[in-house]
Amino acid sequence: MAEPAYWLIKSEPGVYPYSQLETERRTAWTGIRNFEARNNIRKMKPGDLALYYHSGEGKEIVGIAKVLTQAGPDPTAPKEDWASVDVEPVMAFGTPVSLSQIKADKAFADFQLVTRSRLSVVPVESKHFKRILQLAKATLP
């Protein structure tokens, strides 16, 4: 089986924290209103994994979600050209990985969380995904 693609998705913890995804077990990832981020959503495939980043307050990667569906129209923007996917929780990190940790680690010099910081959905290289797991002291189930 091919390795999944990796992504990073952002949410304000006051709007939709990872704990809410764990409670609900599934959600539509909607509300993306940036063309580059929308195009990234459209590249997502079922089985891909996404680092879950709490933006604003927190500024840390707190867990992993799995993409469940192909991208489709965003139901929060009828008749507009936006996209969404459904995601489910995979695991919360016992040790979140902070933005300051990431910025201090030379291995992340080309990590899109740092280089494309304004985007709410970015691709993640395998080497960065694996390094985040190391820093979080986590292994995929």
N, C-alpha and C. Protein backbone atom coordinates (compact mmCIF):
# COMPACT_ATOMS: atom_id res chain seq x y z
N MET A 1 0.84 -1.18 0.00
CA MET A 1 0.00 0.00 0.00
C MET A 1 0.88 1.25 0.00
N ALA A 2 0.52 2.22 -0.80
CA ALA A 2 1.30 3.46 -0.89
C ALA A 2 1.15 4.27 0.39
N GLU A 3 2.20 5.01 0.69
CA GLU A 3 2.17 5.89 1.85
C GLU A 3 1.14 7.00 1.59
N PRO A 4 0.37 7.37 2.61
CA PRO A 4 -0.60 8.46 2.40
C PRO A 4 0.13 9.78 2.18
N ALA A 5 -0.56 10.73 1.61
CA ALA A 5 -0.04 12.10 1.57
C ALA A 5 -0.28 12.71 2.95
N TYR A 6 0.52 13.70 3.26
CA TYR A 6 0.41 14.36 4.56
C TYR A 6 0.07 15.83 4.35
N TRP A 7 -0.70 16.35 5.29
CA TRP A 7 -1.19 17.72 5.24
C TRP A 7 -1.10 18.34 6.61
N LEU A 8 -1.30 19.65 6.68
CA LEU A 8 -1.47 20.34 7.93
C LEU A 8 -2.73 21.17 7.78
N ILE A 9 -3.65 21.03 8.74
CA ILE A 9 -4.87 21.82 8.75
C ILE A 9 -4.89 22.63 10.04
N LYS A 10 -5.41 23.85 9.93
CA LYS A 10 -5.42 24.75 11.08
C LYS A 10 -6.84 25.06 11.53
N SER A 11 -6.98 25.17 12.83
CA SER A 11 -8.24 25.64 13.41
C SER A 11 -7.93 26.40 14.69
N GLU A 12 -8.66 27.48 14.89
CA GLU A 12 -8.56 28.19 16.17
C GLU A 12 -9.14 27.28 17.24
N PRO A 13 -8.44 27.06 18.36
CA PRO A 13 -8.98 26.18 19.39
C PRO A 13 -10.30 26.68 19.98
N GLY A 14 -10.55 27.99 19.91
CA GLY A 14 -11.82 28.52 20.39
C GLY A 14 -12.96 28.31 19.41
N VAL A 15 -12.64 27.94 18.17
CA VAL A 15 -13.65 27.71 17.14
C VAL A 15 -13.93 26.21 16.98
N TYR A 16 -12.88 25.42 16.77
CA TYR A 16 -13.06 23.98 16.62
C TYR A 16 -11.78 23.28 17.10
N PRO A 17 -11.68 23.03 18.41
CA PRO A 17 -10.49 22.36 18.94
C PRO A 17 -10.46 20.87 18.57
N TYR A 18 -9.28 20.31 18.62
CA TYR A 18 -9.13 18.88 18.31
C TYR A 18 -10.02 18.04 19.22
N SER A 19 -10.17 18.44 20.45
CA SER A 19 -11.02 17.68 21.38
C SER A 19 -12.46 17.59 20.89
N GLN A 20 -12.93 18.61 20.19
CA GLN A 20 -14.29 18.55 19.64
C GLN A 20 -14.37 17.53 18.51
N LEU A 21 -13.32 17.46 17.69
CA LEU A 21 -13.27 16.43 16.64
C LEU A 21 -13.30 15.05 17.27
N GLU A 22 -12.57 14.87 18.37
CA GLU A 22 -12.58 13.57 19.06
C GLU A 22 -13.98 13.24 19.57
N THR A 23 -14.68 14.23 20.10
CA THR A 23 -16.04 14.01 20.61
C THR A 23 -17.01 13.67 19.49
N GLU A 24 -16.93 14.45 18.40
CA GLU A 24 -17.87 14.26 17.29
C GLU A 24 -17.50 13.09 16.37
N ARG A 25 -16.24 12.70 16.39
CA ARG A 25 -15.71 11.55 15.63
C ARG A 25 -15.60 11.80 14.11
N ARG A 26 -16.21 12.86 13.61
CA ARG A 26 -16.13 13.16 12.17
C ARG A 26 -16.66 14.58 11.97
N THR A 27 -16.05 15.30 11.03
CA THR A 27 -16.56 16.63 10.68
C THR A 27 -16.21 16.95 9.25
N ALA A 28 -16.99 17.83 8.66
CA ALA A 28 -16.66 18.39 7.35
C ALA A 28 -15.70 19.55 7.59
N TRP A 29 -14.57 19.54 6.88
CA TRP A 29 -13.58 20.61 7.01
C TRP A 29 -13.98 21.71 6.03
N THR A 30 -14.69 22.69 6.55
CA THR A 30 -15.31 23.73 5.72
C THR A 30 -14.74 25.10 6.08
N GLY A 31 -15.16 26.10 5.30
CA GLY A 31 -14.85 27.48 5.65
C GLY A 31 -13.54 27.99 5.10
N ILE A 32 -12.85 27.21 4.29
CA ILE A 32 -11.58 27.66 3.71
C ILE A 32 -11.90 28.65 2.60
N ARG A 33 -11.37 29.87 2.72
CA ARG A 33 -11.67 30.91 1.75
C ARG A 33 -10.39 31.53 1.19
N ASN A 34 -9.46 30.66 0.86
CA ASN A 34 -8.21 31.07 0.21
C ASN A 34 -8.01 30.11 -0.95
N PHE A 35 -7.72 30.63 -2.14
CA PHE A 35 -7.65 29.78 -3.32
C PHE A 35 -6.56 28.71 -3.24
N GLU A 36 -5.39 29.07 -2.72
CA GLU A 36 -4.31 28.08 -2.62
C GLU A 36 -4.67 26.98 -1.62
N ALA A 37 -5.24 27.36 -0.48
CA ALA A 37 -5.67 26.37 0.51
C ALA A 37 -6.78 25.50 -0.07
N ARG A 38 -7.72 26.10 -0.80
CA ARG A 38 -8.79 25.34 -1.45
C ARG A 38 -8.21 24.33 -2.42
N ASN A 39 -7.23 24.74 -3.20
CA ASN A 39 -6.61 23.82 -4.16
C ASN A 39 -5.91 22.68 -3.43
N ASN A 40 -5.34 22.95 -2.26
CA ASN A 40 -4.73 21.89 -1.46
C ASN A 40 -5.80 20.91 -0.98
N ILE A 41 -6.95 21.41 -0.56
CA ILE A 41 -8.05 20.52 -0.15
C ILE A 41 -8.43 19.61 -1.31
N ARG A 42 -8.50 20.17 -2.49
CA ARG A 42 -8.89 19.38 -3.66
C ARG A 42 -7.90 18.28 -4.00
N LYS A 43 -6.68 18.38 -3.50
CA LYS A 43 -5.66 17.34 -3.74
C LYS A 43 -5.72 16.23 -2.68
N MET A 44 -6.46 16.44 -1.62
CA MET A 44 -6.56 15.44 -0.55
C MET A 44 -7.31 14.21 -1.03
N LYS A 45 -6.89 13.06 -0.52
CA LYS A 45 -7.50 11.78 -0.86
C LYS A 45 -7.88 11.04 0.43
N PRO A 46 -8.91 10.20 0.37
CA PRO A 46 -9.23 9.38 1.54
C PRO A 46 -8.00 8.57 1.99
N GLY A 47 -7.76 8.58 3.29
CA GLY A 47 -6.62 7.87 3.85
C GLY A 47 -5.43 8.79 4.11
N ASP A 48 -5.41 9.98 3.51
CA ASP A 48 -4.34 10.93 3.81
C ASP A 48 -4.42 11.33 5.27
N LEU A 49 -3.29 11.74 5.83
CA LEU A 49 -3.23 12.15 7.23
C LEU A 49 -2.92 13.63 7.33
N ALA A 50 -3.53 14.29 8.31
CA ALA A 50 -3.35 15.73 8.49
C ALA A 50 -2.93 16.05 9.92
N LEU A 51 -1.84 16.78 10.05
CA LEU A 51 -1.47 17.32 11.34
C LEU A 51 -2.50 18.38 11.69
N TYR A 52 -2.95 18.40 12.92
CA TYR A 52 -3.99 19.32 13.38
C TYR A 52 -3.34 20.41 14.21
N TYR A 53 -3.36 21.62 13.67
CA TYR A 53 -2.67 22.75 14.29
C TYR A 53 -3.66 23.72 14.90
N HIS A 54 -3.46 24.04 16.18
CA HIS A 54 -4.26 25.07 16.85
C HIS A 54 -3.60 26.41 16.57
N SER A 55 -4.25 27.24 15.75
CA SER A 55 -3.71 28.55 15.42
C SER A 55 -4.23 29.58 16.41
N GLY A 56 -3.75 30.82 16.25
CA GLY A 56 -4.18 31.87 17.17
C GLY A 56 -3.61 31.58 18.54
N GLU A 57 -4.47 31.27 19.50
CA GLU A 57 -3.98 30.88 20.82
C GLU A 57 -3.49 29.44 20.74
N GLY A 58 -2.43 29.15 21.43
CA GLY A 58 -1.86 27.81 21.41
C GLY A 58 -0.69 27.72 20.46
N LYS A 59 -0.94 27.91 19.17
CA LYS A 59 0.09 27.80 18.14
C LYS A 59 0.92 26.53 18.32
N GLU A 60 0.22 25.39 18.19
CA GLU A 60 0.89 24.11 18.35
C GLU A 60 0.13 23.03 17.59
N ILE A 61 0.89 22.02 17.17
CA ILE A 61 0.29 20.85 16.53
C ILE A 61 -0.13 19.91 17.66
N VAL A 62 -1.42 19.59 17.68
CA VAL A 62 -1.97 18.88 18.84
C VAL A 62 -2.43 17.46 18.53
N GLY A 63 -2.43 17.06 17.25
CA GLY A 63 -2.88 15.72 16.92
C GLY A 63 -2.88 15.46 15.44
N ILE A 64 -3.47 14.33 15.08
CA ILE A 64 -3.54 13.89 13.69
C ILE A 64 -4.98 13.53 13.36
N ALA A 65 -5.41 13.97 12.17
CA ALA A 65 -6.73 13.61 11.64
C ALA A 65 -6.52 12.84 10.35
N LYS A 66 -7.53 12.07 9.97
CA LYS A 66 -7.48 11.32 8.71
C LYS A 66 -8.55 11.85 7.77
N VAL A 67 -8.18 12.01 6.51
CA VAL A 67 -9.12 12.43 5.48
C VAL A 67 -9.99 11.23 5.12
N LEU A 68 -11.30 11.43 5.12
CA LEU A 68 -12.24 10.34 4.87
C LEU A 68 -12.85 10.37 3.47
N THR A 69 -12.93 11.55 2.86
CA THR A 69 -13.65 11.69 1.60
C THR A 69 -12.82 12.45 0.57
N GLN A 70 -13.18 12.27 -0.68
CA GLN A 70 -12.66 13.12 -1.74
C GLN A 70 -13.20 14.53 -1.50
N ALA A 71 -12.53 15.52 -2.00
CA ALA A 71 -13.02 16.90 -1.88
C ALA A 71 -14.32 17.06 -2.66
N GLY A 72 -15.21 17.80 -2.07
CA GLY A 72 -16.48 18.13 -2.71
C GLY A 72 -16.80 19.58 -2.42
N PRO A 73 -17.96 20.03 -2.87
CA PRO A 73 -18.35 21.43 -2.61
C PRO A 73 -18.46 21.71 -1.12
N ASP A 74 -18.08 22.90 -0.72
CA ASP A 74 -18.20 23.32 0.68
C ASP A 74 -19.67 23.69 0.93
N PRO A 75 -20.36 22.95 1.81
CA PRO A 75 -21.78 23.22 2.05
C PRO A 75 -22.03 24.57 2.71
N THR A 76 -20.98 25.19 3.27
CA THR A 76 -21.17 26.50 3.90
C THR A 76 -21.09 27.63 2.88
N ALA A 77 -20.82 27.30 1.61
CA ALA A 77 -20.74 28.32 0.55
C ALA A 77 -21.47 27.84 -0.69
N PRO A 78 -22.81 27.69 -0.60
CA PRO A 78 -23.55 27.20 -1.76
C PRO A 78 -23.37 28.12 -2.97
N LYS A 79 -23.27 27.50 -4.13
CA LYS A 79 -23.13 28.20 -5.41
C LYS A 79 -21.81 28.95 -5.54
N GLU A 80 -20.85 28.67 -4.65
CA GLU A 80 -19.51 29.26 -4.75
C GLU A 80 -18.51 28.14 -4.98
N ASP A 81 -17.33 28.48 -5.44
CA ASP A 81 -16.33 27.49 -5.84
C ASP A 81 -15.33 27.19 -4.72
N TRP A 82 -15.84 26.72 -3.57
CA TRP A 82 -14.98 26.33 -2.45
C TRP A 82 -15.12 24.84 -2.22
N ALA A 83 -14.18 24.25 -1.49
CA ALA A 83 -14.15 22.80 -1.32
C ALA A 83 -14.03 22.42 0.15
N SER A 84 -14.44 21.19 0.43
CA SER A 84 -14.29 20.64 1.78
C SER A 84 -14.07 19.14 1.69
N VAL A 85 -13.54 18.57 2.75
CA VAL A 85 -13.40 17.12 2.91
C VAL A 85 -13.91 16.78 4.30
N ASP A 86 -14.25 15.52 4.52
CA ASP A 86 -14.56 15.05 5.86
C ASP A 86 -13.31 14.46 6.48
N VAL A 87 -13.14 14.71 7.79
CA VAL A 87 -12.00 14.18 8.52
C VAL A 87 -12.47 13.53 9.81
N GLU A 88 -11.64 12.62 10.32
CA GLU A 88 -11.90 11.99 11.63
C GLU A 88 -10.62 12.04 12.44
N PRO A 89 -10.72 11.97 13.77
CA PRO A 89 -9.52 12.00 14.60
C PRO A 89 -8.76 10.67 14.50
N VAL A 90 -7.45 10.75 14.54
CA VAL A 90 -6.61 9.56 14.62
C VAL A 90 -6.01 9.47 16.02
N MET A 91 -5.38 10.55 16.46
CA MET A 91 -4.80 10.58 17.79
C MET A 91 -4.47 12.00 18.21
N ALA A 92 -4.67 12.27 19.49
CA ALA A 92 -4.22 13.52 20.09
C ALA A 92 -2.79 13.30 20.58
N PHE A 93 -1.99 14.33 20.51
CA PHE A 93 -0.62 14.23 21.02
C PHE A 93 -0.62 14.49 22.52
N GLY A 94 0.03 13.61 23.28
CA GLY A 94 0.24 13.87 24.70
C GLY A 94 1.19 15.05 24.88
N THR A 95 2.10 15.21 23.93
CA THR A 95 3.06 16.30 23.93
C THR A 95 2.87 17.12 22.65
N PRO A 96 2.07 18.19 22.70
CA PRO A 96 1.92 19.01 21.51
C PRO A 96 3.26 19.60 21.06
N VAL A 97 3.35 19.91 19.77
CA VAL A 97 4.57 20.48 19.21
C VAL A 97 4.31 21.94 18.88
N SER A 98 5.00 22.82 19.58
CA SER A 98 4.74 24.25 19.45
C SER A 98 5.41 24.85 18.21
N LEU A 99 4.85 25.95 17.76
CA LEU A 99 5.43 26.67 16.63
C LEU A 99 6.83 27.13 16.96
N SER A 100 7.08 27.54 18.19
CA SER A 100 8.43 27.97 18.56
C SER A 100 9.43 26.81 18.48
N GLN A 101 9.02 25.61 18.87
CA GLN A 101 9.88 24.42 18.72
C GLN A 101 10.21 24.20 17.24
N ILE A 102 9.19 24.30 16.40
CA ILE A 102 9.36 24.06 14.98
C ILE A 102 10.30 25.09 14.38
N LYS A 103 10.09 26.35 14.71
CA LYS A 103 10.94 27.42 14.17
C LYS A 103 12.39 27.30 14.64
N ALA A 104 12.60 26.71 15.81
CA ALA A 104 13.96 26.56 16.35
C ALA A 104 14.69 25.35 15.77
N ASP A 105 14.00 24.47 15.06
CA ASP A 105 14.56 23.23 14.53
C ASP A 105 14.90 23.41 13.05
N LYS A 106 16.19 23.34 12.72
CA LYS A 106 16.64 23.56 11.34
C LYS A 106 16.02 22.57 10.35
N ALA A 107 15.56 21.42 10.84
CA ALA A 107 14.93 20.42 9.97
C ALA A 107 13.64 20.97 9.35
N PHE A 108 13.09 22.03 9.93
CA PHE A 108 11.83 22.60 9.45
C PHE A 108 12.01 23.88 8.65
N ALA A 109 13.21 24.16 8.18
CA ALA A 109 13.46 25.41 7.45
C ALA A 109 12.54 25.55 6.23
N ASP A 110 12.20 24.43 5.59
CA ASP A 110 11.34 24.49 4.40
C ASP A 110 9.93 23.93 4.67
N PHE A 111 9.55 23.83 5.94
CA PHE A 111 8.22 23.34 6.33
C PHE A 111 7.20 24.43 6.03
N GLN A 112 6.12 24.08 5.34
CA GLN A 112 5.17 25.11 4.90
C GLN A 112 4.42 25.79 6.04
N LEU A 113 4.36 25.21 7.21
CA LEU A 113 3.79 25.93 8.35
C LEU A 113 4.61 27.20 8.61
N VAL A 114 5.90 27.13 8.33
CA VAL A 114 6.80 28.26 8.53
C VAL A 114 6.85 29.13 7.28
N THR A 115 7.01 28.51 6.11
CA THR A 115 7.21 29.29 4.88
C THR A 115 5.92 29.81 4.27
N ARG A 116 4.80 29.20 4.56
CA ARG A 116 3.48 29.61 4.03
C ARG A 116 2.52 29.78 5.21
N SER A 117 2.95 30.51 6.20
CA SER A 117 2.26 30.56 7.49
C SER A 117 0.83 31.09 7.43
N ARG A 118 0.46 31.82 6.39
CA ARG A 118 -0.89 32.37 6.30
C ARG A 118 -1.92 31.35 5.82
N LEU A 119 -1.46 30.25 5.23
CA LEU A 119 -2.39 29.26 4.67
C LEU A 119 -2.92 28.33 5.74
N SER A 120 -4.19 27.98 5.63
CA SER A 120 -4.82 27.12 6.63
C SER A 120 -4.79 25.65 6.26
N VAL A 121 -4.40 25.33 5.03
CA VAL A 121 -4.23 23.94 4.59
C VAL A 121 -2.98 23.89 3.71
N VAL A 122 -1.97 23.14 4.16
CA VAL A 122 -0.74 23.03 3.37
C VAL A 122 -0.28 21.58 3.31
N PRO A 123 0.41 21.20 2.23
CA PRO A 123 0.99 19.87 2.19
C PRO A 123 2.17 19.78 3.15
N VAL A 124 2.44 18.57 3.61
CA VAL A 124 3.54 18.31 4.54
C VAL A 124 4.40 17.19 3.95
N GLU A 125 5.69 17.42 3.88
CA GLU A 125 6.60 16.38 3.40
C GLU A 125 6.70 15.27 4.44
N SER A 126 6.94 14.05 3.96
CA SER A 126 7.05 12.89 4.84
C SER A 126 8.09 13.12 5.93
N LYS A 127 9.24 13.70 5.58
CA LYS A 127 10.30 13.93 6.58
C LYS A 127 9.81 14.85 7.69
N HIS A 128 9.00 15.85 7.36
CA HIS A 128 8.47 16.75 8.38
C HIS A 128 7.42 16.06 9.24
N PHE A 129 6.56 15.27 8.61
CA PHE A 129 5.54 14.53 9.35
C PHE A 129 6.21 13.61 10.38
N LYS A 130 7.23 12.89 9.94
CA LYS A 130 7.93 11.95 10.84
C LYS A 130 8.65 12.68 11.96
N ARG A 131 9.21 13.85 11.67
CA ARG A 131 9.90 14.63 12.69
C ARG A 131 8.89 15.16 13.72
N ILE A 132 7.71 15.58 13.27
CA ILE A 132 6.67 16.02 14.21
C ILE A 132 6.29 14.87 15.14
N LEU A 133 6.14 13.67 14.58
CA LEU A 133 5.83 12.51 15.44
C LEU A 133 6.91 12.30 16.49
N GLN A 134 8.18 12.45 16.09
CA GLN A 134 9.29 12.30 17.06
C GLN A 134 9.17 13.33 18.18
N LEU A 135 8.96 14.59 17.79
CA LEU A 135 8.86 15.66 18.79
C LEU A 135 7.66 15.48 19.70
N ALA A 136 6.58 14.93 19.16
CA ALA A 136 5.37 14.69 19.95
C ALA A 136 5.47 13.40 20.78
N LYS A 137 6.57 12.66 20.58
CA LYS A 137 6.76 11.37 21.26
C LYS A 137 5.57 10.45 20.96
N ALA A 138 5.19 10.41 19.66
CA ALA A 138 3.99 9.69 19.26
C ALA A 138 4.32 8.68 18.17
N THR A 139 3.56 7.60 18.13
CA THR A 139 3.62 6.65 17.05
C THR A 139 2.19 6.42 16.57
N LEU A 140 2.06 6.31 15.26
CA LEU A 140 0.72 6.09 14.72
C LEU A 140 0.17 4.75 15.18
N PRO A 141 -1.14 4.70 15.48
CA PRO A 141 -1.73 3.43 15.91
C PRO A 141 -1.78 2.41 14.78
